[in-house]
Amino acid sequence: GARGYTGAELVRLLEAHPRFHLAFAS
């Protein structure tokens, strides 16, 4: 659900997170 408004916020948060790695986005 990366395309929605919440998905976009999650992408930005995960991208900047020091431990999490965005492995895939659907």
mmCIF file of all heavy atoms, coordinates in Angstrom:
data_MODEL
# 
_entry.id   MODEL 
# 
loop_
_atom_site.group_PDB 
_atom_site.id 
_atom_site.type_symbol 
_atom_site.label_atom_id 
_atom_site.label_alt_id 
_atom_site.label_comp_id 
_atom_site.label_asym_id 
_atom_site.label_entity_id 
_atom_site.label_seq_id 
_atom_site.pdbx_PDB_ins_code 
_atom_site.Cartn_x 
_atom_site.Cartn_y 
_atom_site.Cartn_z 
_atom_site.occupancy 
_atom_site.B_iso_or_equiv 
_atom_site.pdbx_formal_charge 
_atom_site.auth_seq_id 
_atom_site.auth_comp_id 
_atom_site.auth_asym_id 
_atom_site.auth_atom_id 
_atom_site.pdbx_PDB_model_num 
ATOM 1   N N   . GLY A 1 1  ? 0.818  -1.208 0.000  1.00 0.00 ? 1  GLY A N   1 
ATOM 2   C CA  . GLY A 1 1  ? 0.000  0.000  0.000  1.00 0.00 ? 1  GLY A CA  1 
ATOM 3   C C   . GLY A 1 1  ? 0.849  1.255  0.000  1.00 0.00 ? 1  GLY A C   1 
ATOM 4   O O   . GLY A 1 1  ? 0.529  2.237  0.674  1.00 0.00 ? 1  GLY A O   1 
ATOM 5   N N   . ALA A 1 2  ? 1.919  1.229  -0.768 1.00 0.00 ? 2  ALA A N   1 
ATOM 6   C CA  . ALA A 1 2  ? 2.878  2.338  -0.754 1.00 0.00 ? 2  ALA A CA  1 
ATOM 7   C C   . ALA A 1 2  ? 2.355  3.587  -1.461 1.00 0.00 ? 2  ALA A C   1 
ATOM 8   O O   . ALA A 1 2  ? 2.892  4.675  -1.266 1.00 0.00 ? 2  ALA A O   1 
ATOM 9   C CB  . ALA A 1 2  ? 4.189  1.899  -1.405 1.00 0.00 ? 2  ALA A CB  1 
ATOM 10  N N   . ARG A 1 3  ? 1.312  3.446  -2.263 1.00 0.00 ? 3  ARG A N   1 
ATOM 11  C CA  . ARG A 1 3  ? 0.846  4.546  -3.090 1.00 0.00 ? 3  ARG A CA  1 
ATOM 12  C C   . ARG A 1 3  ? -0.039 5.547  -2.332 1.00 0.00 ? 3  ARG A C   1 
ATOM 13  O O   . ARG A 1 3  ? -0.169 6.699  -2.713 1.00 0.00 ? 3  ARG A O   1 
ATOM 14  C CB  . ARG A 1 3  ? 0.062  3.972  -4.279 1.00 0.00 ? 3  ARG A CB  1 
ATOM 15  C CG  . ARG A 1 3  ? -0.570 4.992  -5.217 1.00 0.00 ? 3  ARG A CG  1 
ATOM 16  C CD  . ARG A 1 3  ? 0.486  5.769  -5.983 1.00 0.00 ? 3  ARG A CD  1 
ATOM 17  N NE  . ARG A 1 3  ? -0.118 6.635  -6.982 1.00 0.00 ? 3  ARG A NE  1 
ATOM 18  C CZ  . ARG A 1 3  ? -0.674 7.819  -6.727 1.00 0.00 ? 3  ARG A CZ  1 
ATOM 19  N NH1 . ARG A 1 3  ? -0.699 8.268  -5.492 1.00 0.00 ? 3  ARG A NH1 1 
ATOM 20  N NH2 . ARG A 1 3  ? -1.202 8.539  -7.693 1.00 0.00 ? 3  ARG A NH2 1 
ATOM 21  N N   . GLY A 1 4  ? -0.646 5.112  -1.219 1.00 0.00 ? 4  GLY A N   1 
ATOM 22  C CA  . GLY A 1 4  ? -1.574 5.973  -0.499 1.00 0.00 ? 4  GLY A CA  1 
ATOM 23  C C   . GLY A 1 4  ? -0.884 7.040  0.323  1.00 0.00 ? 4  GLY A C   1 
ATOM 24  O O   . GLY A 1 4  ? 0.349  7.078  0.444  1.00 0.00 ? 4  GLY A O   1 
ATOM 25  N N   . TYR A 1 5  ? -1.672 7.929  0.916  1.00 0.00 ? 5  TYR A N   1 
ATOM 26  C CA  . TYR A 1 5  ? -1.113 9.015  1.714  1.00 0.00 ? 5  TYR A CA  1 
ATOM 27  C C   . TYR A 1 5  ? -0.320 8.478  2.910  1.00 0.00 ? 5  TYR A C   1 
ATOM 28  O O   . TYR A 1 5  ? 0.781  8.941  3.191  1.00 0.00 ? 5  TYR A O   1 
ATOM 29  C CB  . TYR A 1 5  ? -2.236 9.928  2.227  1.00 0.00 ? 5  TYR A CB  1 
ATOM 30  C CG  . TYR A 1 5  ? -2.987 10.669 1.155  1.00 0.00 ? 5  TYR A CG  1 
ATOM 31  C CD1 . TYR A 1 5  ? -4.388 10.711 1.157  1.00 0.00 ? 5  TYR A CD1 1 
ATOM 32  C CD2 . TYR A 1 5  ? -2.326 11.348 0.141  1.00 0.00 ? 5  TYR A CD2 1 
ATOM 33  C CE1 . TYR A 1 5  ? -5.089 11.404 0.190  1.00 0.00 ? 5  TYR A CE1 1 
ATOM 34  C CE2 . TYR A 1 5  ? -3.018 12.038 -0.843 1.00 0.00 ? 5  TYR A CE2 1 
ATOM 35  C CZ  . TYR A 1 5  ? -4.406 12.062 -0.810 1.00 0.00 ? 5  TYR A CZ  1 
ATOM 36  O OH  . TYR A 1 5  ? -5.098 12.745 -1.781 1.00 0.00 ? 5  TYR A OH  1 
ATOM 37  N N   . THR A 1 6  ? -0.885 7.493  3.607  1.00 0.00 ? 6  THR A N   1 
ATOM 38  C CA  . THR A 1 6  ? -0.172 6.917  4.744  1.00 0.00 ? 6  THR A CA  1 
ATOM 39  C C   . THR A 1 6  ? 1.051  6.144  4.272  1.00 0.00 ? 6  THR A C   1 
ATOM 40  O O   . THR A 1 6  ? 2.115  6.193  4.912  1.00 0.00 ? 6  THR A O   1 
ATOM 41  C CB  . THR A 1 6  ? -1.100 5.989  5.550  1.00 0.00 ? 6  THR A CB  1 
ATOM 42  O OG1 . THR A 1 6  ? -2.181 6.763  6.082  1.00 0.00 ? 6  THR A OG1 1 
ATOM 43  C CG2 . THR A 1 6  ? -0.357 5.328  6.688  1.00 0.00 ? 6  THR A CG2 1 
ATOM 44  N N   . GLY A 1 7  ? 0.916  5.431  3.162  1.00 0.00 ? 7  GLY A N   1 
ATOM 45  C CA  . GLY A 1 7  ? 2.063  4.708  2.612  1.00 0.00 ? 7  GLY A CA  1 
ATOM 46  C C   . GLY A 1 7  ? 3.229  5.621  2.326  1.00 0.00 ? 7  GLY A C   1 
ATOM 47  O O   . GLY A 1 7  ? 4.386  5.287  2.611  1.00 0.00 ? 7  GLY A O   1 
ATOM 48  N N   . ALA A 1 8  ? 2.950  6.796  1.772  1.00 0.00 ? 8  ALA A N   1 
ATOM 49  C CA  . ALA A 1 8  ? 4.019  7.752  1.474  1.00 0.00 ? 8  ALA A CA  1 
ATOM 50  C C   . ALA A 1 8  ? 4.709  8.225  2.755  1.00 0.00 ? 8  ALA A C   1 
ATOM 51  O O   . ALA A 1 8  ? 5.942  8.381  2.787  1.00 0.00 ? 8  ALA A O   1 
ATOM 52  C CB  . ALA A 1 8  ? 3.453  8.942  0.707  1.00 0.00 ? 8  ALA A CB  1 
ATOM 53  N N   . GLU A 1 9  ? 3.927  8.454  3.816  1.00 0.00 ? 9  GLU A N   1 
ATOM 54  C CA  . GLU A 1 9  ? 4.536  8.844  5.094  1.00 0.00 ? 9  GLU A CA  1 
ATOM 55  C C   . GLU A 1 9  ? 5.418  7.720  5.629  1.00 0.00 ? 9  GLU A C   1 
ATOM 56  O O   . GLU A 1 9  ? 6.510  7.968  6.160  1.00 0.00 ? 9  GLU A O   1 
ATOM 57  C CB  . GLU A 1 9  ? 3.455  9.195  6.114  1.00 0.00 ? 9  GLU A CB  1 
ATOM 58  C CG  . GLU A 1 9  ? 2.584  10.383 5.747  1.00 0.00 ? 9  GLU A CG  1 
ATOM 59  C CD  . GLU A 1 9  ? 3.326  11.709 5.769  1.00 0.00 ? 9  GLU A CD  1 
ATOM 60  O OE1 . GLU A 1 9  ? 4.476  11.753 6.263  1.00 0.00 ? 9  GLU A OE1 1 
ATOM 61  O OE2 . GLU A 1 9  ? 2.756  12.706 5.286  1.00 0.00 ? 9  GLU A OE2 1 
ATOM 62  N N   . LEU A 1 10 ? 4.960  6.485  5.498  1.00 0.00 ? 10 LEU A N   1 
ATOM 63  C CA  . LEU A 1 10 ? 5.753  5.347  5.966  1.00 0.00 ? 10 LEU A CA  1 
ATOM 64  C C   . LEU A 1 10 ? 7.047  5.212  5.180  1.00 0.00 ? 10 LEU A C   1 
ATOM 65  O O   . LEU A 1 10 ? 8.098  4.896  5.748  1.00 0.00 ? 10 LEU A O   1 
ATOM 66  C CB  . LEU A 1 10 ? 4.925  4.063  5.852  1.00 0.00 ? 10 LEU A CB  1 
ATOM 67  C CG  . LEU A 1 10 ? 3.879  3.871  6.950  1.00 0.00 ? 10 LEU A CG  1 
ATOM 68  C CD1 . LEU A 1 10 ? 2.854  2.830  6.535  1.00 0.00 ? 10 LEU A CD1 1 
ATOM 69  C CD2 . LEU A 1 10 ? 4.554  3.468  8.253  1.00 0.00 ? 10 LEU A CD2 1 
ATOM 70  N N   . VAL A 1 11 ? 6.979  5.436  3.890  1.00 0.00 ? 11 VAL A N   1 
ATOM 71  C CA  . VAL A 1 11 ? 8.200  5.368  3.070  1.00 0.00 ? 11 VAL A CA  1 
ATOM 72  C C   . VAL A 1 11 ? 9.236  6.348  3.590  1.00 0.00 ? 11 VAL A C   1 
ATOM 73  O O   . VAL A 1 11 ? 10.413 6.008  3.777  1.00 0.00 ? 11 VAL A O   1 
ATOM 74  C CB  . VAL A 1 11 ? 7.878  5.652  1.589  1.00 0.00 ? 11 VAL A CB  1 
ATOM 75  C CG1 . VAL A 1 11 ? 9.168  5.876  0.792  1.00 0.00 ? 11 VAL A CG1 1 
ATOM 76  C CG2 . VAL A 1 11 ? 7.090  4.500  0.984  1.00 0.00 ? 11 VAL A CG2 1 
ATOM 77  N N   . ARG A 1 12 ? 8.819  7.580  3.850  1.00 0.00 ? 12 ARG A N   1 
ATOM 78  C CA  . ARG A 1 12 ? 9.764  8.595  4.326  1.00 0.00 ? 12 ARG A CA  1 
ATOM 79  C C   . ARG A 1 12 ? 10.320 8.227  5.701  1.00 0.00 ? 12 ARG A C   1 
ATOM 80  O O   . ARG A 1 12 ? 11.518 8.399  5.963  1.00 0.00 ? 12 ARG A O   1 
ATOM 81  C CB  . ARG A 1 12 ? 9.081  9.960  4.345  1.00 0.00 ? 12 ARG A CB  1 
ATOM 82  C CG  . ARG A 1 12 ? 8.843  10.533 2.945  1.00 0.00 ? 12 ARG A CG  1 
ATOM 83  C CD  . ARG A 1 12 ? 8.304  11.944 3.001  1.00 0.00 ? 12 ARG A CD  1 
ATOM 84  N NE  . ARG A 1 12 ? 6.885  11.982 3.284  1.00 0.00 ? 12 ARG A NE  1 
ATOM 85  C CZ  . ARG A 1 12 ? 5.929  11.995 2.356  1.00 0.00 ? 12 ARG A CZ  1 
ATOM 86  N NH1 . ARG A 1 12 ? 6.246  11.966 1.071  1.00 0.00 ? 12 ARG A NH1 1 
ATOM 87  N NH2 . ARG A 1 12 ? 4.647  12.050 2.702  1.00 0.00 ? 12 ARG A NH2 1 
ATOM 88  N N   . LEU A 1 13 ? 9.472  7.723  6.581  1.00 0.00 ? 13 LEU A N   1 
ATOM 89  C CA  . LEU A 1 13 ? 9.942  7.349  7.916  1.00 0.00 ? 13 LEU A CA  1 
ATOM 90  C C   . LEU A 1 13 ? 10.886 6.149  7.866  1.00 0.00 ? 13 LEU A C   1 
ATOM 91  O O   . LEU A 1 13 ? 11.924 6.131  8.546  1.00 0.00 ? 13 LEU A O   1 
ATOM 92  C CB  . LEU A 1 13 ? 8.748  7.030  8.820  1.00 0.00 ? 13 LEU A CB  1 
ATOM 93  C CG  . LEU A 1 13 ? 7.910  8.225  9.284  1.00 0.00 ? 13 LEU A CG  1 
ATOM 94  C CD1 . LEU A 1 13 ? 6.646  7.749  9.990  1.00 0.00 ? 13 LEU A CD1 1 
ATOM 95  C CD2 . LEU A 1 13 ? 8.719  9.126  10.210 1.00 0.00 ? 13 LEU A CD2 1 
ATOM 96  N N   . LEU A 1 14 ? 10.548 5.156  7.083  1.00 0.00 ? 14 LEU A N   1 
ATOM 97  C CA  . LEU A 1 14 ? 11.386 3.959  6.998  1.00 0.00 ? 14 LEU A CA  1 
ATOM 98  C C   . LEU A 1 14 ? 12.717 4.267  6.311  1.00 0.00 ? 14 LEU A C   1 
ATOM 99  O O   . LEU A 1 14 ? 13.762 3.730  6.685  1.00 0.00 ? 14 LEU A O   1 
ATOM 100 C CB  . LEU A 1 14 ? 10.650 2.855  6.246  1.00 0.00 ? 14 LEU A CB  1 
ATOM 101 C CG  . LEU A 1 14 ? 9.444  2.250  6.977  1.00 0.00 ? 14 LEU A CG  1 
ATOM 102 C CD1 . LEU A 1 14 ? 8.645  1.357  6.028  1.00 0.00 ? 14 LEU A CD1 1 
ATOM 103 C CD2 . LEU A 1 14 ? 9.894  1.455  8.195  1.00 0.00 ? 14 LEU A CD2 1 
ATOM 104 N N   . GLU A 1 15 ? 12.674 5.133  5.308  1.00 0.00 ? 15 GLU A N   1 
ATOM 105 C CA  . GLU A 1 15 ? 13.891 5.495  4.579  1.00 0.00 ? 15 GLU A CA  1 
ATOM 106 C C   . GLU A 1 15 ? 14.911 6.171  5.507  1.00 0.00 ? 15 GLU A C   1 
ATOM 107 O O   . GLU A 1 15 ? 16.122 5.965  5.374  1.00 0.00 ? 15 GLU A O   1 
ATOM 108 C CB  . GLU A 1 15 ? 13.526 6.431  3.429  1.00 0.00 ? 15 GLU A CB  1 
ATOM 109 C CG  . GLU A 1 15 ? 14.683 6.767  2.511  1.00 0.00 ? 15 GLU A CG  1 
ATOM 110 C CD  . GLU A 1 15 ? 14.238 7.657  1.364  1.00 0.00 ? 15 GLU A CD  1 
ATOM 111 O OE1 . GLU A 1 15 ? 13.750 8.776  1.626  1.00 0.00 ? 15 GLU A OE1 1 
ATOM 112 O OE2 . GLU A 1 15 ? 14.361 7.221  0.211  1.00 0.00 ? 15 GLU A OE2 1 
ATOM 113 N N   . ALA A 1 16 ? 14.408 6.955  6.465  1.00 0.00 ? 16 ALA A N   1 
ATOM 114 C CA  . ALA A 1 16 ? 15.301 7.692  7.362  1.00 0.00 ? 16 ALA A CA  1 
ATOM 115 C C   . ALA A 1 16 ? 15.625 6.923  8.637  1.00 0.00 ? 16 ALA A C   1 
ATOM 116 O O   . ALA A 1 16 ? 16.436 7.383  9.433  1.00 0.00 ? 16 ALA A O   1 
ATOM 117 C CB  . ALA A 1 16 ? 14.650 9.032  7.727  1.00 0.00 ? 16 ALA A CB  1 
ATOM 118 N N   . HIS A 1 17 ? 15.018 5.761  8.830  1.00 0.00 ? 17 HIS A N   1 
ATOM 119 C CA  . HIS A 1 17 ? 15.189 5.011  10.069 1.00 0.00 ? 17 HIS A CA  1 
ATOM 120 C C   . HIS A 1 17 ? 16.587 4.401  10.147 1.00 0.00 ? 17 HIS A C   1 
ATOM 121 O O   . HIS A 1 17 ? 17.088 3.848  9.167  1.00 0.00 ? 17 HIS A O   1 
ATOM 122 C CB  . HIS A 1 17 ? 14.131 3.904  10.150 1.00 0.00 ? 17 HIS A CB  1 
ATOM 123 C CG  . HIS A 1 17 ? 13.938 3.334  11.519 1.00 0.00 ? 17 HIS A CG  1 
ATOM 124 N ND1 . HIS A 1 17 ? 14.804 2.399  12.050 1.00 0.00 ? 17 HIS A ND1 1 
ATOM 125 C CD2 . HIS A 1 17 ? 12.987 3.554  12.461 1.00 0.00 ? 17 HIS A CD2 1 
ATOM 126 C CE1 . HIS A 1 17 ? 14.385 2.071  13.263 1.00 0.00 ? 17 HIS A CE1 1 
ATOM 127 N NE2 . HIS A 1 17 ? 13.284 2.752  13.541 1.00 0.00 ? 17 HIS A NE2 1 
ATOM 128 N N   . PRO A 1 18 ? 17.243 4.476  11.300 1.00 0.00 ? 18 PRO A N   1 
ATOM 129 C CA  . PRO A 1 18 ? 18.615 3.965  11.403 1.00 0.00 ? 18 PRO A CA  1 
ATOM 130 C C   . PRO A 1 18 ? 18.732 2.448  11.417 1.00 0.00 ? 18 PRO A C   1 
ATOM 131 O O   . PRO A 1 18 ? 19.825 1.930  11.220 1.00 0.00 ? 18 PRO A O   1 
ATOM 132 C CB  . PRO A 1 18 ? 19.112 4.561  12.729 1.00 0.00 ? 18 PRO A CB  1 
ATOM 133 C CG  . PRO A 1 18 ? 17.884 4.827  13.518 1.00 0.00 ? 18 PRO A CG  1 
ATOM 134 C CD  . PRO A 1 18 ? 16.826 5.188  12.530 1.00 0.00 ? 18 PRO A CD  1 
ATOM 135 N N   . ARG A 1 19 ? 17.644 1.724  11.651 1.00 0.00 ? 19 ARG A N   1 
ATOM 136 C CA  . ARG A 1 19 ? 17.729 0.265  11.706 1.00 0.00 ? 19 ARG A CA  1 
ATOM 137 C C   . ARG A 1 19 ? 16.860 -0.439 10.671 1.00 0.00 ? 19 ARG A C   1 
ATOM 138 O O   . ARG A 1 19 ? 17.165 -1.557 10.260 1.00 0.00 ? 19 ARG A O   1 
ATOM 139 C CB  . ARG A 1 19 ? 17.335 -0.241 13.106 1.00 0.00 ? 19 ARG A CB  1 
ATOM 140 C CG  . ARG A 1 19 ? 18.336 0.092  14.194 1.00 0.00 ? 19 ARG A CG  1 
ATOM 141 C CD  . ARG A 1 19 ? 19.671 -0.635 14.012 1.00 0.00 ? 19 ARG A CD  1 
ATOM 142 N NE  . ARG A 1 19 ? 19.524 -2.073 13.844 1.00 0.00 ? 19 ARG A NE  1 
ATOM 143 C CZ  . ARG A 1 19 ? 19.333 -2.946 14.819 1.00 0.00 ? 19 ARG A CZ  1 
ATOM 144 N NH1 . ARG A 1 19 ? 19.238 -2.525 16.074 1.00 0.00 ? 19 ARG A NH1 1 
ATOM 145 N NH2 . ARG A 1 19 ? 19.235 -4.229 14.570 1.00 0.00 ? 19 ARG A NH2 1 
ATOM 146 N N   . PHE A 1 20 ? 15.757 0.166  10.263 1.00 0.00 ? 20 PHE A N   1 
ATOM 147 C CA  . PHE A 1 20 ? 14.887 -0.490 9.300  1.00 0.00 ? 20 PHE A CA  1 
ATOM 148 C C   . PHE A 1 20 ? 15.363 -0.244 7.874  1.00 0.00 ? 20 PHE A C   1 
ATOM 149 O O   . PHE A 1 20 ? 15.898 0.813  7.553  1.00 0.00 ? 20 PHE A O   1 
ATOM 150 C CB  . PHE A 1 20 ? 13.439 -0.014 9.451  1.00 0.00 ? 20 PHE A CB  1 
ATOM 151 C CG  . PHE A 1 20 ? 12.799 -0.425 10.745 1.00 0.00 ? 20 PHE A CG  1 
ATOM 152 C CD1 . PHE A 1 20 ? 11.920 0.426  11.399 1.00 0.00 ? 20 PHE A CD1 1 
ATOM 153 C CD2 . PHE A 1 20 ? 13.067 -1.650 11.316 1.00 0.00 ? 20 PHE A CD2 1 
ATOM 154 C CE1 . PHE A 1 20 ? 11.321 0.057  12.591 1.00 0.00 ? 20 PHE A CE1 1 
ATOM 155 C CE2 . PHE A 1 20 ? 12.481 -2.041 12.512 1.00 0.00 ? 20 PHE A CE2 1 
ATOM 156 C CZ  . PHE A 1 20 ? 11.609 -1.186 13.144 1.00 0.00 ? 20 PHE A CZ  1 
ATOM 157 N N   . HIS A 1 21 ? 15.110 -1.237 7.040  1.00 0.00 ? 21 HIS A N   1 
ATOM 158 C CA  . HIS A 1 21 ? 15.469 -1.176 5.621  1.00 0.00 ? 21 HIS A CA  1 
ATOM 159 C C   . HIS A 1 21 ? 14.226 -1.540 4.819  1.00 0.00 ? 21 HIS A C   1 
ATOM 160 O O   . HIS A 1 21 ? 13.626 -2.598 5.045  1.00 0.00 ? 21 HIS A O   1 
ATOM 161 C CB  . HIS A 1 21 ? 16.604 -2.166 5.337  1.00 0.00 ? 21 HIS A CB  1 
ATOM 162 C CG  . HIS A 1 21 ? 16.760 -2.527 3.887  1.00 0.00 ? 21 HIS A CG  1 
ATOM 163 N ND1 . HIS A 1 21 ? 17.242 -1.648 2.960  1.00 0.00 ? 21 HIS A ND1 1 
ATOM 164 C CD2 . HIS A 1 21 ? 16.495 -3.683 3.220  1.00 0.00 ? 21 HIS A CD2 1 
ATOM 165 C CE1 . HIS A 1 21 ? 17.284 -2.251 1.775  1.00 0.00 ? 21 HIS A CE1 1 
ATOM 166 N NE2 . HIS A 1 21 ? 16.823 -3.468 1.911  1.00 0.00 ? 21 HIS A NE2 1 
ATOM 167 N N   . LEU A 1 22 ? 13.800 -0.676 3.928  1.00 0.00 ? 22 LEU A N   1 
ATOM 168 C CA  . LEU A 1 22 ? 12.621 -0.950 3.113  1.00 0.00 ? 22 LEU A CA  1 
ATOM 169 C C   . LEU A 1 22 ? 12.984 -1.988 2.056  1.00 0.00 ? 22 LEU A C   1 
ATOM 170 O O   . LEU A 1 22 ? 13.652 -1.690 1.066  1.00 0.00 ? 22 LEU A O   1 
ATOM 171 C CB  . LEU A 1 22 ? 12.108 0.337  2.466  1.00 0.00 ? 22 LEU A CB  1 
ATOM 172 C CG  . LEU A 1 22 ? 10.739 0.269  1.787  1.00 0.00 ? 22 LEU A CG  1 
ATOM 173 C CD1 . LEU A 1 22 ? 9.669  -0.226 2.759  1.00 0.00 ? 22 LEU A CD1 1 
ATOM 174 C CD2 . LEU A 1 22 ? 10.358 1.626  1.236  1.00 0.00 ? 22 LEU A CD2 1 
ATOM 175 N N   . ALA A 1 23 ? 12.545 -3.224 2.288  1.00 0.00 ? 23 ALA A N   1 
ATOM 176 C CA  . ALA A 1 23 ? 12.936 -4.350 1.437  1.00 0.00 ? 23 ALA A CA  1 
ATOM 177 C C   . ALA A 1 23 ? 12.094 -4.442 0.171  1.00 0.00 ? 23 ALA A C   1 
ATOM 178 O O   . ALA A 1 23 ? 12.578 -4.847 -0.883 1.00 0.00 ? 23 ALA A O   1 
ATOM 179 C CB  . ALA A 1 23 ? 12.832 -5.653 2.232  1.00 0.00 ? 23 ALA A CB  1 
ATOM 180 N N   . PHE A 1 24 ? 10.811 -4.092 0.280  1.00 0.00 ? 24 PHE A N   1 
ATOM 181 C CA  . PHE A 1 24 ? 9.965  -4.056 -0.914 1.00 0.00 ? 24 PHE A CA  1 
ATOM 182 C C   . PHE A 1 24 ? 8.793  -3.128 -0.649 1.00 0.00 ? 24 PHE A C   1 
ATOM 183 O O   . PHE A 1 24 ? 8.422  -2.861 0.498  1.00 0.00 ? 24 PHE A O   1 
ATOM 184 C CB  . PHE A 1 24 ? 9.472  -5.451 -1.319 1.00 0.00 ? 24 PHE A CB  1 
ATOM 185 C CG  . PHE A 1 24 ? 8.471  -6.083 -0.386 1.00 0.00 ? 24 PHE A CG  1 
ATOM 186 C CD1 . PHE A 1 24 ? 7.117  -5.763 -0.433 1.00 0.00 ? 24 PHE A CD1 1 
ATOM 187 C CD2 . PHE A 1 24 ? 8.882  -7.024 0.550  1.00 0.00 ? 24 PHE A CD2 1 
ATOM 188 C CE1 . PHE A 1 24 ? 6.196  -6.339 0.420  1.00 0.00 ? 24 PHE A CE1 1 
ATOM 189 C CE2 . PHE A 1 24 ? 7.970  -7.619 1.417  1.00 0.00 ? 24 PHE A CE2 1 
ATOM 190 C CZ  . PHE A 1 24 ? 6.618  -7.269 1.356  1.00 0.00 ? 24 PHE A CZ  1 
ATOM 191 N N   . ALA A 1 25 ? 8.216  -2.626 -1.728 1.00 0.00 ? 25 ALA A N   1 
ATOM 192 C CA  . ALA A 1 25 ? 7.035  -1.764 -1.652 1.00 0.00 ? 25 ALA A CA  1 
ATOM 193 C C   . ALA A 1 25 ? 6.067  -2.205 -2.729 1.00 0.00 ? 25 ALA A C   1 
ATOM 194 O O   . ALA A 1 25 ? 6.452  -2.359 -3.893 1.00 0.00 ? 25 ALA A O   1 
ATOM 195 C CB  . ALA A 1 25 ? 7.415  -0.299 -1.840 1.00 0.00 ? 25 ALA A CB  1 
ATOM 196 N N   . SER A 1 26 ? 4.829  -2.430 -2.345 1.00 0.00 ? 26 SER A N   1 
ATOM 197 C CA  . SER A 1 26 ? 3.825  -2.947 -3.272 1.00 0.00 ? 26 SER A CA  1 
ATOM 198 C C   . SER A 1 26 ? 2.684  -1.958 -3.447 1.00 0.00 ? 26 SER A C   1 
ATOM 199 O O   . SER A 1 26 ? 2.208  -1.361 -2.485 1.00 0.00 ? 26 SER A O   1 
ATOM 200 C CB  . SER A 1 26 ? 3.279  -4.285 -2.755 1.00 0.00 ? 26 SER A CB  1 
ATOM 201 O OG  . SER A 1 26 ? 2.216  -4.744 -3.573 1.00 0.00 ? 26 SER A OG  1 
# 
